[in-house]
Amino acid sequence: QEQLVESGGGLVQPGGSLTLSCAGSEWIFEHFFMNWYRQAPGKEREPVAGIRVDGAFTNYTDSVKGRFTISRDNAKKLMYLQMNNLKPEDTGLYYCNAKWWQSEYWGQGTSVTVSS
């Protein structure tokens, strides 16, 4: 069973920055499109950003465009989400996700709280 492990969450003031990381196996980083999702309290899980295996294609939900940057380092088996100018509405549990054909894996999530 493949594992994805997120880290880097925490408490940050509005306008601050955080970088999330997601660690996985070599097999995942060689083959899987990877995503970040988040789930705010009382809301459904939503996609935040995605990145292709080669890193050449990325996409973002409208609310984070210009503030968040997704990247991956396949050699280090790490994916990142650089989050700048954080807002209270960015608060939630952030999940790492990997998809390839009919295979899909999720991490356990890392909590991000944006509050003064």
Protein backbone atom coordinates (compact mmCIF):
# COMPACT_ATOMS: atom_id res chain seq x y z
CA GLN A 1 0.00 0.00 0.00
CA GLU A 2 1.44 3.33 -1.07
CA GLN A 3 1.76 6.11 1.50
CA LEU A 4 1.70 9.85 1.15
CA VAL A 5 2.85 11.93 4.11
CA GLU A 6 2.19 15.65 4.40
CA SER A 7 4.07 18.09 6.61
CA GLY A 8 4.51 21.81 7.08
CA GLY A 9 1.13 22.91 8.36
CA GLY A 10 0.68 25.25 11.27
CA LEU A 11 -0.72 28.52 12.53
CA VAL A 12 0.07 31.66 10.55
CA GLN A 13 -1.18 35.24 10.58
CA PRO A 14 -3.09 36.67 7.63
CA GLY A 15 -0.65 37.75 4.95
CA GLY A 16 1.89 35.18 6.06
CA SER A 17 3.40 32.23 4.22
CA LEU A 18 3.71 28.49 4.65
CA THR A 19 5.20 25.72 2.57
CA LEU A 20 3.61 22.29 2.67
CA SER A 21 5.47 19.15 1.66
CA CYS A 22 4.26 15.73 0.57
CA ALA A 23 6.55 12.70 0.61
CA GLY A 24 5.90 9.54 -1.36
CA SER A 25 7.50 6.61 -3.07
CA GLU A 26 9.65 6.58 -6.20
CA TRP A 27 6.88 4.75 -8.05
CA ILE A 28 4.37 7.47 -7.28
CA PHE A 29 6.70 10.25 -8.36
CA GLU A 30 7.57 8.43 -11.58
CA HIS A 31 3.97 7.90 -12.70
CA PHE A 32 1.34 9.88 -10.81
CA PHE A 33 -0.29 13.24 -11.40
CA MET A 34 -0.30 14.85 -7.99
CA ASN A 35 -2.65 17.27 -6.31
CA TRP A 36 -3.28 19.26 -3.19
CA TYR A 37 -6.79 19.32 -1.80
CA ARG A 38 -8.15 21.08 1.24
CA GLN A 39 -11.16 20.78 3.48
CA ALA A 40 -12.32 23.76 5.47
CA PRO A 41 -14.34 23.22 8.66
CA GLY A 42 -17.91 22.34 7.75
CA LYS A 43 -17.19 22.23 4.03
CA GLU A 44 -16.48 19.61 1.43
CA ARG A 45 -12.99 18.73 0.31
CA GLU A 46 -11.95 20.79 -2.72
CA PRO A 47 -9.03 20.67 -5.15
CA VAL A 48 -6.44 23.41 -4.71
CA ALA A 49 -3.68 22.69 -7.22
CA GLY A 50 -2.35 19.91 -9.44
CA ILE A 51 0.90 19.10 -11.19
CA ARG A 52 1.86 16.69 -13.95
CA VAL A 53 4.62 14.13 -13.56
CA ASP A 54 7.17 16.24 -15.43
CA GLY A 55 6.13 19.41 -13.63
CA ALA A 56 5.47 21.18 -16.92
CA PHE A 57 1.73 21.49 -16.40
CA THR A 58 0.07 22.92 -13.31
CA ASN A 59 -3.43 24.08 -12.48
CA TYR A 60 -4.98 26.00 -9.61
CA THR A 61 -8.37 26.78 -8.23
CA ASP A 62 -9.25 30.40 -8.87
CA SER A 63 -9.13 31.47 -5.22
CA VAL A 64 -5.41 30.65 -4.88
CA LYS A 65 -4.09 31.77 -8.29
CA GLY A 66 -1.22 34.20 -7.88
CA ARG A 67 -0.73 33.26 -4.22
CA PHE A 68 0.02 29.51 -4.20
CA THR A 69 2.65 27.62 -6.19
CA ILE A 70 2.73 23.85 -6.60
CA SER A 71 5.97 22.09 -7.47
CA ARG A 72 7.57 18.69 -7.30
CA ASP A 73 11.06 17.27 -7.03
CA ASN A 74 10.88 13.72 -8.37
CA ALA A 75 14.47 12.94 -7.40
CA LYS A 76 13.72 13.83 -3.78
CA LYS A 77 10.25 12.26 -3.95
CA LEU A 78 8.67 15.43 -2.64
CA MET A 79 5.84 17.67 -3.72
CA TYR A 80 5.39 21.18 -2.38
CA LEU A 81 2.74 23.83 -2.00
CA GLN A 82 4.16 27.29 -1.42
CA MET A 83 1.40 29.43 0.05
CA ASN A 84 1.82 33.21 0.19
CA ASN A 85 -0.46 36.02 1.30
CA LEU A 86 -2.55 33.56 3.28
CA LYS A 87 -6.11 34.49 4.16
CA PRO A 88 -8.41 33.22 6.91
CA GLU A 89 -10.46 31.42 4.25
CA ASP A 90 -7.39 29.31 3.45
CA THR A 91 -7.80 27.60 6.83
CA GLY A 92 -8.36 23.88 6.61
CA LEU A 93 -6.90 20.44 6.44
CA TYR A 94 -4.62 20.09 3.39
CA TYR A 95 -4.30 16.72 1.71
CA CYS A 96 -1.78 15.32 -0.72
CA ASN A 97 -3.30 13.23 -3.52
CA ALA A 98 -1.82 11.09 -6.29
CA LYS A 99 -3.73 9.76 -9.32
CA TRP A 100 -2.76 7.48 -12.21
CA TRP A 101 -5.31 5.61 -14.28
CA GLN A 102 -7.53 3.87 -11.71
CA SER A 103 -5.07 4.16 -8.85
CA GLU A 104 -5.45 6.92 -6.31
CA TYR A 105 -3.81 7.58 -2.95
CA TRP A 106 -4.36 10.12 -0.19
CA GLY A 107 -2.30 11.38 2.69
CA GLN A 108 -3.64 11.93 6.18
CA GLY A 109 -3.59 15.71 5.89
CA THR A 110 -1.81 18.59 7.55
CA SER A 111 -3.66 21.41 9.27
CA VAL A 112 -3.32 25.05 8.23
CA THR A 113 -4.86 27.78 10.37
CA VAL A 114 -4.75 31.40 9.25
CA SER A 115 -5.69 33.64 12.13
CA SER A 116 -4.53 36.74 13.95
